[in-house]
C-alpha cells in the first residue's frame, strides 16, 4: 500500500500554518476539517491551511508538499487507530468503534490517490469553497531521476 509523507523543501510551512506537520509524518488530504467552513473562516493562516494544506495524521498539523511512499500494513493499522481517536476527541464521534470505519475510509482515499504514482512523486492539493462544499484538486510532480554523482562530493581525504 502507498500513502504520502510530509516533506519540506524550506522553512515556509513553519510560517504559513498555525501548526505545521512534522517532516516524514504520514498525511491525508484532511478536507473533512473544512466541511462546515464558510468564506468568513478563510482568513490568515487558516486560509492557507484550507487552500493548500495536507493534514499530518500524527501531529494534525499542515504541510504543503507530500511524497508518495510505501507503507506497511502495521503502520496503517496504527494510523487508523490514531485518526479514529482524533475523530472521537475533536469531531464528536461517539466511540472508537464508530470512528474506525471513517478513519479507514479517509486512509483508503489517500491510498487510492497515491496508488498509481511512483515512490517519491510529490503531490499538492488546492481547495476551493463552492456552493456545493469543498472542492479539492491535486497536482502531481513526478520524481526526477538523479544519480548519486549529482550530490556526492568526490575527493581524497588525504589531500
N, C-alpha and C. Protein backbone atom coordinates (compact mmCIF):
# COMPACT_ATOMS: atom_id res chain seq x y z
N UNK A 1 0.84 -1.18 0.00
CA UNK A 1 0.00 0.00 0.00
C UNK A 1 0.89 1.24 0.00
N UNK A 2 0.45 2.26 -0.72
CA UNK A 2 1.19 3.52 -0.73
C UNK A 2 0.37 4.60 -0.03
N UNK A 3 1.07 5.46 0.65
CA UNK A 3 0.48 6.64 1.26
C UNK A 3 1.49 7.76 1.05
N UNK A 4 1.30 8.89 1.66
CA UNK A 4 2.21 10.01 1.44
C UNK A 4 2.71 10.55 2.77
N UNK A 5 3.96 11.01 2.73
CA UNK A 5 4.59 11.59 3.92
C UNK A 5 4.86 13.08 3.68
N UNK A 6 4.82 13.83 4.76
CA UNK A 6 5.13 15.26 4.71
C UNK A 6 6.57 15.47 4.30
N UNK A 7 6.79 16.45 3.44
CA UNK A 7 8.14 16.79 3.00
C UNK A 7 8.26 18.31 2.99
N UNK A 8 9.41 18.79 3.41
CA UNK A 8 9.67 20.24 3.44
C UNK A 8 10.91 20.53 2.61
N UNK A 9 10.82 21.54 1.78
CA UNK A 9 11.96 21.99 0.99
C UNK A 9 12.61 23.22 1.59
N UNK A 10 11.87 23.87 2.48
CA UNK A 10 12.38 25.07 3.15
C UNK A 10 11.56 25.25 4.42
N UNK A 11 11.69 26.40 5.06
CA UNK A 11 11.01 26.65 6.34
C UNK A 11 9.65 27.34 6.18
N UNK A 12 9.17 27.49 4.95
CA UNK A 12 7.95 28.28 4.74
C UNK A 12 6.73 27.72 5.47
N UNK A 13 6.59 26.40 5.57
CA UNK A 13 5.44 25.85 6.28
C UNK A 13 5.43 26.26 7.75
N UNK A 14 6.59 26.49 8.31
CA UNK A 14 6.69 26.93 9.70
C UNK A 14 6.04 28.31 9.89
N UNK A 15 6.04 29.10 8.81
CA UNK A 15 5.49 30.46 8.89
C UNK A 15 4.04 30.56 8.44
N UNK A 16 3.60 29.69 7.52
CA UNK A 16 2.28 29.88 6.94
C UNK A 16 1.16 29.07 7.60
N UNK A 17 1.51 28.07 8.40
CA UNK A 17 0.48 27.27 9.08
C UNK A 17 0.54 27.50 10.58
N UNK A 18 -0.64 27.51 11.21
CA UNK A 18 -0.69 27.61 12.68
C UNK A 18 0.09 26.49 13.31
N UNK A 19 -0.11 25.29 12.78
CA UNK A 19 0.56 24.10 13.30
C UNK A 19 1.10 23.30 12.12
N UNK A 20 2.39 23.43 11.82
CA UNK A 20 2.94 22.68 10.69
C UNK A 20 3.12 21.20 11.01
N UNK A 21 2.92 20.37 9.99
CA UNK A 21 3.16 18.94 10.14
C UNK A 21 4.66 18.71 10.27
N UNK A 22 5.02 17.61 10.89
CA UNK A 22 6.42 17.22 11.06
C UNK A 22 6.90 16.52 9.80
N UNK A 23 8.10 16.82 9.37
CA UNK A 23 8.69 16.16 8.21
C UNK A 23 8.66 14.64 8.41
N UNK A 24 8.17 13.93 7.41
CA UNK A 24 8.15 12.48 7.45
C UNK A 24 6.88 11.86 8.01
N UNK A 25 5.99 12.66 8.57
CA UNK A 25 4.78 12.03 9.10
C UNK A 25 3.80 11.72 7.97
N UNK A 26 3.00 10.69 8.16
CA UNK A 26 2.01 10.28 7.17
C UNK A 26 0.93 11.34 7.07
N UNK A 27 0.41 11.54 5.87
CA UNK A 27 -0.56 12.62 5.62
C UNK A 27 -1.78 12.14 4.85
N UNK A 28 -2.84 12.88 5.04
CA UNK A 28 -4.09 12.73 4.30
C UNK A 28 -4.44 14.08 3.70
N UNK A 29 -5.41 14.09 2.83
CA UNK A 29 -5.92 15.36 2.32
C UNK A 29 -6.43 16.19 3.50
N UNK A 30 -7.25 15.60 4.33
CA UNK A 30 -7.76 16.30 5.51
C UNK A 30 -8.83 17.32 5.20
N UNK A 31 -9.45 17.23 4.04
CA UNK A 31 -10.51 18.16 3.67
C UNK A 31 -11.70 18.12 4.61
N UNK A 32 -11.90 17.01 5.33
CA UNK A 32 -13.02 16.90 6.27
C UNK A 32 -12.99 18.00 7.31
N UNK A 33 -11.81 18.51 7.63
CA UNK A 33 -11.68 19.56 8.64
C UNK A 33 -12.43 20.82 8.24
N UNK A 34 -12.64 21.01 6.95
CA UNK A 34 -13.23 22.24 6.44
C UNK A 34 -14.68 22.08 6.01
N UNK A 35 -15.31 20.98 6.32
CA UNK A 35 -16.64 20.67 5.79
C UNK A 35 -17.70 21.69 6.20
N UNK A 36 -17.55 22.35 7.33
CA UNK A 36 -18.55 23.32 7.79
C UNK A 36 -18.07 24.76 7.65
N UNK A 37 -17.00 24.99 6.93
CA UNK A 37 -16.43 26.33 6.83
C UNK A 37 -17.21 27.19 5.85
N UNK A 38 -17.12 28.49 6.09
CA UNK A 38 -17.69 29.49 5.18
C UNK A 38 -16.57 30.43 4.76
N UNK A 39 -16.88 31.36 3.88
CA UNK A 39 -15.88 32.34 3.44
C UNK A 39 -15.32 33.11 4.64
N UNK A 40 -16.10 33.32 5.67
CA UNK A 40 -15.66 34.06 6.85
C UNK A 40 -14.52 33.34 7.59
N UNK A 41 -14.44 32.04 7.43
CA UNK A 41 -13.38 31.26 8.09
C UNK A 41 -12.05 31.34 7.36
N UNK A 42 -12.07 31.82 6.12
CA UNK A 42 -10.88 31.78 5.26
C UNK A 42 -10.05 33.05 5.40
N UNK A 43 -9.38 33.16 6.55
CA UNK A 43 -8.51 34.31 6.79
C UNK A 43 -7.16 33.83 7.34
N UNK A 44 -6.12 34.58 7.03
CA UNK A 44 -4.79 34.34 7.59
C UNK A 44 -4.29 32.92 7.39
N UNK A 45 -3.72 32.38 8.45
CA UNK A 45 -3.11 31.05 8.39
C UNK A 45 -4.16 29.96 8.18
N UNK A 46 -5.37 30.19 8.66
CA UNK A 46 -6.44 29.22 8.44
C UNK A 46 -6.76 29.13 6.94
N UNK A 47 -6.71 30.25 6.26
CA UNK A 47 -6.95 30.25 4.82
C UNK A 47 -5.86 29.45 4.10
N UNK A 48 -4.62 29.60 4.51
CA UNK A 48 -3.53 28.85 3.89
C UNK A 48 -3.70 27.35 4.12
N UNK A 49 -4.08 26.96 5.34
CA UNK A 49 -4.32 25.54 5.63
C UNK A 49 -5.44 25.01 4.74
N UNK A 50 -6.50 25.80 4.59
CA UNK A 50 -7.61 25.40 3.73
C UNK A 50 -7.16 25.28 2.28
N UNK A 51 -6.48 26.28 1.78
CA UNK A 51 -6.16 26.36 0.36
C UNK A 51 -5.16 25.30 -0.09
N UNK A 52 -4.15 25.01 0.71
CA UNK A 52 -3.04 24.18 0.22
C UNK A 52 -2.50 23.15 1.21
N UNK A 53 -3.11 22.95 2.35
CA UNK A 53 -2.51 22.11 3.37
C UNK A 53 -2.99 20.68 3.42
N UNK A 54 -2.01 19.76 3.36
CA UNK A 54 -2.27 18.36 3.67
C UNK A 54 -2.29 18.22 5.18
N UNK A 55 -2.98 17.23 5.71
CA UNK A 55 -3.09 17.01 7.15
C UNK A 55 -2.18 15.88 7.60
N UNK A 56 -1.25 16.19 8.50
CA UNK A 56 -0.41 15.15 9.10
C UNK A 56 -1.25 14.33 10.07
N UNK A 57 -1.17 13.02 9.98
CA UNK A 57 -2.01 12.15 10.82
C UNK A 57 -1.44 11.98 12.22
N UNK A 58 -0.20 12.36 12.43
CA UNK A 58 0.40 12.18 13.75
C UNK A 58 0.29 13.45 14.59
N UNK A 59 0.58 14.61 14.02
CA UNK A 59 0.52 15.89 14.76
C UNK A 59 -0.75 16.66 14.45
N UNK A 60 -1.44 16.31 13.36
CA UNK A 60 -2.60 17.02 12.85
C UNK A 60 -2.26 18.46 12.46
N UNK A 61 -0.97 18.63 12.10
CA UNK A 61 -0.52 19.88 11.52
C UNK A 61 -0.65 19.81 10.01
N UNK A 62 -0.32 20.91 9.35
CA UNK A 62 -0.46 21.00 7.89
C UNK A 62 0.89 21.12 7.20
N UNK A 63 0.93 20.68 5.94
CA UNK A 63 2.14 20.72 5.12
C UNK A 63 1.73 20.97 3.67
N UNK A 64 2.59 21.65 2.91
CA UNK A 64 2.27 21.99 1.53
C UNK A 64 2.55 20.87 0.55
N UNK A 65 3.63 20.12 0.75
CA UNK A 65 4.01 19.03 -0.16
C UNK A 65 4.03 17.70 0.57
N UNK A 66 3.60 16.66 -0.13
CA UNK A 66 3.75 15.29 0.37
C UNK A 66 4.42 14.46 -0.72
N UNK A 67 5.09 13.40 -0.30
CA UNK A 67 5.77 12.49 -1.22
C UNK A 67 5.19 11.09 -1.05
N UNK A 68 4.86 10.46 -2.16
CA UNK A 68 4.30 9.11 -2.16
C UNK A 68 5.37 8.14 -1.66
N UNK A 69 4.97 7.26 -0.75
CA UNK A 69 5.88 6.32 -0.11
C UNK A 69 5.15 5.01 0.17
N UNK A 70 5.89 3.92 0.16
CA UNK A 70 5.34 2.61 0.52
C UNK A 70 5.05 2.57 2.01
N UNK A 71 3.95 1.96 2.38
CA UNK A 71 3.56 1.85 3.79
C UNK A 71 3.31 0.39 4.15
N UNK A 72 3.73 0.01 5.33
CA UNK A 72 3.48 -1.34 5.83
C UNK A 72 2.10 -1.40 6.48
N UNK A 73 1.49 -2.57 6.43
CA UNK A 73 0.14 -2.73 6.97
C UNK A 73 0.06 -2.40 8.45
N UNK A 74 1.07 -2.77 9.21
CA UNK A 74 1.07 -2.47 10.65
C UNK A 74 1.04 -0.96 10.90
N UNK A 75 1.73 -0.20 10.04
CA UNK A 75 1.71 1.26 10.16
C UNK A 75 0.30 1.78 9.88
N UNK A 76 -0.35 1.21 8.89
CA UNK A 76 -1.71 1.63 8.54
C UNK A 76 -2.66 1.38 9.71
N UNK A 77 -2.53 0.24 10.35
CA UNK A 77 -3.39 -0.08 11.50
C UNK A 77 -3.20 0.94 12.61
N UNK A 78 -1.96 1.29 12.89
CA UNK A 78 -1.66 2.26 13.94
C UNK A 78 -2.22 3.64 13.59
N UNK A 79 -2.06 4.05 12.34
CA UNK A 79 -2.58 5.35 11.91
C UNK A 79 -4.11 5.39 11.96
N UNK A 80 -4.73 4.27 11.61
CA UNK A 80 -6.19 4.20 11.67
C UNK A 80 -6.67 4.43 13.09
N UNK A 81 -6.03 3.79 14.04
CA UNK A 81 -6.42 3.96 15.44
C UNK A 81 -6.20 5.40 15.90
N UNK A 82 -5.08 5.98 15.51
CA UNK A 82 -4.76 7.35 15.91
C UNK A 82 -5.78 8.34 15.31
N UNK A 83 -6.12 8.15 14.04
CA UNK A 83 -7.10 9.02 13.39
C UNK A 83 -8.49 8.82 13.99
N UNK A 84 -8.86 7.59 14.27
CA UNK A 84 -10.16 7.32 14.90
C UNK A 84 -10.24 8.02 16.25
N UNK A 85 -9.18 7.96 17.03
CA UNK A 85 -9.15 8.64 18.33
C UNK A 85 -9.31 10.15 18.15
N UNK A 86 -8.69 10.70 17.11
CA UNK A 86 -8.82 12.13 16.80
C UNK A 86 -10.29 12.47 16.49
N UNK A 87 -10.96 11.60 15.74
CA UNK A 87 -12.38 11.82 15.42
C UNK A 87 -13.24 11.81 16.68
N UNK A 88 -12.90 10.98 17.64
CA UNK A 88 -13.64 10.95 18.90
C UNK A 88 -13.38 12.22 19.70
N UNK A 89 -12.10 12.58 19.83
CA UNK A 89 -11.73 13.72 20.67
C UNK A 89 -12.10 15.08 20.09
N UNK A 90 -12.01 15.23 18.76
CA UNK A 90 -12.18 16.56 18.17
C UNK A 90 -13.41 16.73 17.29
N UNK A 91 -14.00 15.63 16.83
CA UNK A 91 -15.12 15.75 15.90
C UNK A 91 -16.41 15.12 16.43
N UNK A 92 -16.42 14.68 17.66
CA UNK A 92 -17.64 14.21 18.29
C UNK A 92 -18.08 12.81 17.94
N UNK A 93 -17.20 12.00 17.37
CA UNK A 93 -17.58 10.60 17.14
C UNK A 93 -17.88 9.97 18.49
N UNK A 94 -18.92 9.17 18.58
CA UNK A 94 -19.32 8.64 19.90
C UNK A 94 -18.32 7.69 20.54
N UNK A 95 -17.58 6.94 19.72
CA UNK A 95 -16.61 6.00 20.26
C UNK A 95 -15.68 5.53 19.14
N UNK A 96 -14.65 4.80 19.52
CA UNK A 96 -13.68 4.32 18.53
C UNK A 96 -14.30 3.38 17.50
N UNK A 97 -15.22 2.54 17.94
CA UNK A 97 -15.85 1.61 17.01
C UNK A 97 -16.61 2.35 15.91
N UNK A 98 -17.21 3.47 16.24
CA UNK A 98 -17.92 4.28 15.24
C UNK A 98 -16.95 5.07 14.37
N UNK A 99 -15.85 5.50 14.95
CA UNK A 99 -14.89 6.34 14.23
C UNK A 99 -13.96 5.55 13.31
N UNK A 100 -13.69 4.30 13.66
CA UNK A 100 -12.73 3.49 12.91
C UNK A 100 -13.07 3.36 11.42
N UNK A 101 -14.33 3.06 11.04
CA UNK A 101 -14.64 2.96 9.60
C UNK A 101 -14.42 4.27 8.84
N UNK A 102 -14.68 5.38 9.48
CA UNK A 102 -14.47 6.69 8.85
C UNK A 102 -12.97 6.93 8.68
N UNK A 103 -12.20 6.59 9.69
CA UNK A 103 -10.75 6.73 9.60
C UNK A 103 -10.20 5.84 8.48
N UNK A 104 -10.67 4.61 8.41
CA UNK A 104 -10.25 3.69 7.34
C UNK A 104 -10.58 4.25 5.96
N UNK A 105 -11.75 4.86 5.82
CA UNK A 105 -12.16 5.43 4.54
C UNK A 105 -11.26 6.61 4.15
N UNK A 106 -10.92 7.46 5.10
CA UNK A 106 -10.01 8.57 4.81
C UNK A 106 -8.65 8.07 4.36
N UNK A 107 -8.14 7.06 5.02
CA UNK A 107 -6.84 6.49 4.65
C UNK A 107 -6.94 5.80 3.29
N UNK A 108 -8.04 5.10 3.04
CA UNK A 108 -8.23 4.42 1.76
C UNK A 108 -8.30 5.43 0.61
N UNK A 109 -8.94 6.57 0.82
CA UNK A 109 -9.00 7.61 -0.22
C UNK A 109 -7.60 8.12 -0.55
N UNK A 110 -6.79 8.32 0.48
CA UNK A 110 -5.42 8.79 0.24
C UNK A 110 -4.60 7.71 -0.45
N UNK A 111 -4.78 6.46 -0.05
CA UNK A 111 -4.07 5.35 -0.69
C UNK A 111 -4.45 5.25 -2.17
N UNK A 112 -5.72 5.46 -2.48
CA UNK A 112 -6.16 5.44 -3.87
C UNK A 112 -5.49 6.56 -4.66
N UNK A 113 -5.36 7.72 -4.06
CA UNK A 113 -4.71 8.85 -4.72
C UNK A 113 -3.24 8.54 -5.01
N UNK A 114 -2.59 7.83 -4.09
CA UNK A 114 -1.15 7.54 -4.21
C UNK A 114 -0.84 6.30 -5.05
N UNK A 115 -1.79 5.41 -5.18
CA UNK A 115 -1.55 4.08 -5.74
C UNK A 115 -0.84 4.06 -7.09
N UNK A 116 -1.22 4.90 -8.01
CA UNK A 116 -0.67 4.85 -9.36
C UNK A 116 0.59 5.68 -9.55
N UNK A 117 1.11 6.23 -8.46
CA UNK A 117 2.30 7.08 -8.56
C UNK A 117 3.53 6.36 -8.03
N UNK A 118 4.66 6.63 -8.68
CA UNK A 118 5.93 6.05 -8.25
C UNK A 118 6.35 6.63 -6.91
N UNK A 119 7.13 5.89 -6.14
CA UNK A 119 7.66 6.44 -4.89
C UNK A 119 8.39 7.76 -5.16
N UNK A 120 8.29 8.66 -4.22
CA UNK A 120 8.90 9.99 -4.25
C UNK A 120 8.18 10.98 -5.16
N UNK A 121 7.08 10.57 -5.77
CA UNK A 121 6.27 11.53 -6.51
C UNK A 121 5.70 12.54 -5.52
N UNK A 122 5.77 13.81 -5.86
CA UNK A 122 5.25 14.86 -4.99
C UNK A 122 3.81 15.16 -5.36
N UNK A 123 3.01 15.46 -4.35
CA UNK A 123 1.61 15.83 -4.55
C UNK A 123 1.33 17.15 -3.86
N UNK A 124 0.49 17.96 -4.48
CA UNK A 124 -0.02 19.18 -3.85
C UNK A 124 -1.54 19.13 -3.91
N UNK A 125 -2.17 19.90 -3.04
CA UNK A 125 -3.63 19.98 -3.01
C UNK A 125 -4.03 21.45 -3.14
N UNK A 126 -5.13 21.68 -3.82
CA UNK A 126 -5.70 23.01 -3.96
C UNK A 126 -7.19 22.89 -3.65
N UNK A 127 -7.65 23.68 -2.71
CA UNK A 127 -9.06 23.63 -2.32
C UNK A 127 -9.75 24.94 -2.65
N UNK A 128 -11.02 24.80 -3.04
CA UNK A 128 -11.91 25.94 -3.24
C UNK A 128 -13.18 25.68 -2.47
N UNK A 129 -13.77 26.74 -1.97
CA UNK A 129 -15.06 26.64 -1.29
C UNK A 129 -16.12 27.03 -2.32
N UNK A 130 -16.97 26.06 -2.65
CA UNK A 130 -18.01 26.29 -3.65
C UNK A 130 -19.38 26.20 -2.99
N UNK A 131 -20.41 26.50 -3.74
CA UNK A 131 -21.79 26.39 -3.22
C UNK A 131 -22.09 24.96 -2.79
N UNK A 132 -21.47 23.99 -3.46
CA UNK A 132 -21.69 22.58 -3.15
C UNK A 132 -20.80 22.07 -2.02
N UNK A 133 -19.87 22.90 -1.55
CA UNK A 133 -18.96 22.49 -0.48
C UNK A 133 -17.51 22.66 -0.90
N UNK A 134 -16.64 21.90 -0.27
CA UNK A 134 -15.21 21.99 -0.53
C UNK A 134 -14.87 21.15 -1.76
N UNK A 135 -14.16 21.78 -2.70
CA UNK A 135 -13.69 21.07 -3.89
C UNK A 135 -12.17 20.98 -3.81
N UNK A 136 -11.66 19.76 -3.95
CA UNK A 136 -10.21 19.53 -3.91
C UNK A 136 -9.72 19.10 -5.29
N UNK A 137 -8.58 19.67 -5.68
CA UNK A 137 -7.88 19.21 -6.87
C UNK A 137 -6.44 18.92 -6.46
N UNK A 138 -5.84 18.00 -7.16
CA UNK A 138 -4.50 17.55 -6.81
C UNK A 138 -3.56 17.71 -7.99
N UNK A 139 -2.34 18.10 -7.71
CA UNK A 139 -1.30 18.20 -8.72
C UNK A 139 -0.22 17.19 -8.41
N UNK A 140 0.39 16.68 -9.48
CA UNK A 140 1.42 15.65 -9.36
C UNK A 140 2.71 16.19 -9.94
N UNK A 141 3.79 16.03 -9.19
CA UNK A 141 5.13 16.40 -9.66
C UNK A 141 5.95 15.12 -9.63
N UNK A 142 6.23 14.58 -10.82
CA UNK A 142 6.93 13.29 -10.92
C UNK A 142 8.33 13.40 -10.33
N UNK A 143 8.76 12.33 -9.70
CA UNK A 143 10.12 12.27 -9.15
C UNK A 143 11.11 12.31 -10.30
N UNK A 144 12.16 13.06 -10.14
CA UNK A 144 13.20 13.16 -11.16
C UNK A 144 14.29 12.14 -10.87
N UNK A 145 14.79 11.53 -11.91
CA UNK A 145 15.93 10.62 -11.75
C UNK A 145 17.17 11.45 -11.51
N UNK A 146 17.89 11.12 -10.48
CA UNK A 146 19.13 11.82 -10.18
C UNK A 146 20.17 10.79 -9.75
N UNK A 147 21.33 10.88 -10.34
CA UNK A 147 22.41 9.98 -9.97
C UNK A 147 23.13 10.50 -8.74
N UNK A 148 23.76 9.62 -8.02
CA UNK A 148 24.49 9.99 -6.80
C UNK A 148 25.59 10.99 -7.11
N UNK A 149 26.15 10.94 -8.31
CA UNK A 149 27.24 11.86 -8.68
C UNK A 149 26.77 13.32 -8.65
N UNK A 150 25.47 13.55 -8.77
CA UNK A 150 24.97 14.91 -8.73
C UNK A 150 25.01 15.50 -7.33
N UNK A 151 25.08 14.64 -6.33
CA UNK A 151 25.03 15.12 -4.95
C UNK A 151 26.29 14.79 -4.16
N UNK A 152 26.99 13.77 -4.56
CA UNK A 152 28.17 13.34 -3.81
C UNK A 152 29.36 14.22 -4.19
N UNK A 153 30.18 14.50 -3.20
CA UNK A 153 31.43 15.22 -3.44
C UNK A 153 32.54 14.18 -3.45
N UNK A 154 33.26 14.13 -4.55
CA UNK A 154 34.32 13.13 -4.68
C UNK A 154 35.66 13.78 -4.40
N UNK A 155 36.49 13.08 -3.78
CA UNK A 155 37.83 13.59 -3.48
C UNK A 155 38.57 12.63 -2.59
N UNK A 156 39.68 13.05 -2.16
CA UNK A 156 40.50 12.21 -1.31
C UNK A 156 40.61 12.85 0.07
N UNK A 157 40.53 12.05 1.09
CA UNK A 157 40.70 12.57 2.45
C UNK A 157 42.15 12.86 2.73
N UNK A 158 43.06 12.37 1.87
CA UNK A 158 44.49 12.58 2.06
C UNK A 158 44.96 13.95 1.55
N UNK A 159 44.15 14.61 0.71
CA UNK A 159 44.56 15.88 0.13
C UNK A 159 44.47 17.02 1.11
